[in-house]
Amino acid sequence: MNFNTFARATLFAVLGFGAIAAQASTMPMDDSGVMQYRYGDNLDVKKVLSIQDDQSDACGLVNTRMDYLDSKGQQQSVQYRTYATGGCHEN
């Protein structure tokens, strides 16, 4: 593989990651009091109340919010990223 081929492949990879990041940066949900989940966080979930996506017809990363009750009966909310596939295929 010569340098030009490598440079083009690198450019397309960087542009592809940029497109994914742009798609993932959708408008955030109402996040007052919502915990941002980080991999490895321990959640105290006794009962899930609801799960909501930013965009159900998207294809790619979207914000998802889960409202739940903890073991003390307190309502909590956590926001995290999921991969939506609803808009990936044409019907």
Protein backbone atom coordinates (compact mmCIF):
# COMPACT_ATOMS: atom_id res chain seq x y z
CA MET A 1 0.00 0.00 0.00
CA ASN A 2 1.48 3.32 -0.98
CA PHE A 3 1.28 6.58 0.94
CA ASN A 4 -1.59 8.07 -1.14
CA THR A 5 -3.80 5.04 -0.52
CA PHE A 6 -2.99 5.12 3.18
CA ALA A 7 -3.67 8.88 3.38
CA ARG A 8 -7.05 8.50 1.64
CA ALA A 9 -8.06 5.60 3.89
CA THR A 10 -7.11 7.63 6.96
CA LEU A 11 -9.07 10.66 5.70
CA PHE A 12 -12.20 8.58 5.10
CA ALA A 13 -11.88 6.98 8.54
CA VAL A 14 -11.59 10.39 10.23
CA LEU A 15 -14.57 11.75 8.27
CA GLY A 16 -16.57 8.65 9.15
CA PHE A 17 -15.90 9.08 12.85
CA GLY A 18 -16.81 12.76 12.53
CA ALA A 19 -20.14 11.84 10.97
CA ILE A 20 -20.89 9.39 13.79
CA ALA A 21 -20.00 12.03 16.39
CA ALA A 22 -22.19 14.62 14.67
CA GLN A 23 -25.12 12.23 14.60
CA ALA A 24 -24.59 11.33 18.26
CA SER A 25 -24.67 14.95 19.36
CA THR A 26 -28.44 15.28 19.20
CA MET A 27 -30.36 17.65 21.41
CA PRO A 28 -30.16 16.32 24.97
CA MET A 29 -33.31 15.29 26.79
CA ASP A 30 -34.50 17.30 29.76
CA ASP A 31 -31.66 16.28 32.03
CA SER A 32 -32.30 18.15 35.25
CA GLY A 33 -31.23 15.72 37.96
CA VAL A 34 -30.31 12.98 35.48
CA MET A 35 -27.13 11.00 36.16
CA GLN A 36 -24.82 10.45 33.19
CA TYR A 37 -23.95 6.75 33.16
CA ARG A 38 -20.27 5.80 32.87
CA TYR A 39 -19.17 2.26 32.12
CA GLY A 40 -18.78 0.38 35.38
CA ASP A 41 -21.15 2.56 37.42
CA ASN A 42 -23.22 0.54 39.89
CA LEU A 43 -26.91 1.28 39.62
CA ASP A 44 -29.37 0.47 42.40
CA VAL A 45 -32.38 -0.49 40.25
CA LYS A 46 -35.36 -2.14 41.89
CA LYS A 47 -37.98 -1.35 39.23
CA VAL A 48 -37.69 0.25 35.77
CA LEU A 49 -40.40 2.85 35.20
CA SER A 50 -39.64 3.93 31.63
CA ILE A 51 -36.99 3.97 28.91
CA GLN A 52 -37.01 6.77 26.31
CA ASP A 53 -34.85 7.38 23.22
CA ASP A 54 -34.11 10.79 21.69
CA GLN A 55 -34.98 9.54 18.20
CA SER A 56 -36.77 6.27 17.53
CA ASP A 57 -36.28 6.56 13.74
CA ALA A 58 -32.53 7.22 13.93
CA CYS A 59 -29.69 5.04 12.76
CA GLY A 60 -26.70 5.37 15.06
CA LEU A 61 -25.92 6.60 18.54
CA VAL A 62 -28.72 8.32 20.44
CA ASN A 63 -29.27 9.47 24.01
CA THR A 64 -31.42 7.11 26.05
CA ARG A 65 -32.94 7.85 29.44
CA MET A 66 -34.10 5.30 31.99
CA ASP A 67 -36.31 6.31 34.90
CA TYR A 68 -36.36 3.80 37.75
CA LEU A 69 -36.98 3.24 41.45
CA ASP A 70 -34.02 2.40 43.66
CA SER A 71 -34.12 -0.02 46.60
CA LYS A 72 -35.26 2.83 48.89
CA GLY A 73 -38.24 3.66 46.64
CA GLN A 74 -36.70 6.91 45.39
CA GLN A 75 -37.20 7.76 41.72
CA GLN A 76 -33.90 8.11 39.84
CA SER A 77 -32.95 8.81 36.23
CA VAL A 78 -29.88 7.84 34.25
CA GLN A 79 -28.90 8.87 30.73
CA TYR A 80 -26.66 6.77 28.50
CA ARG A 81 -25.91 6.10 24.83
CA THR A 82 -27.52 3.34 22.78
CA TYR A 83 -27.39 2.41 19.13
CA ALA A 84 -30.73 3.00 17.38
CA THR A 85 -31.53 0.89 14.33
CA GLY A 86 -35.07 2.10 13.58
CA GLY A 87 -33.97 4.31 10.69
CA CYS A 88 -31.24 2.07 9.30
CA HIS A 89 -33.40 0.21 6.79
CA GLU A 90 -35.95 1.39 4.30
CA ASN A 91 -39.25 -0.48 4.32
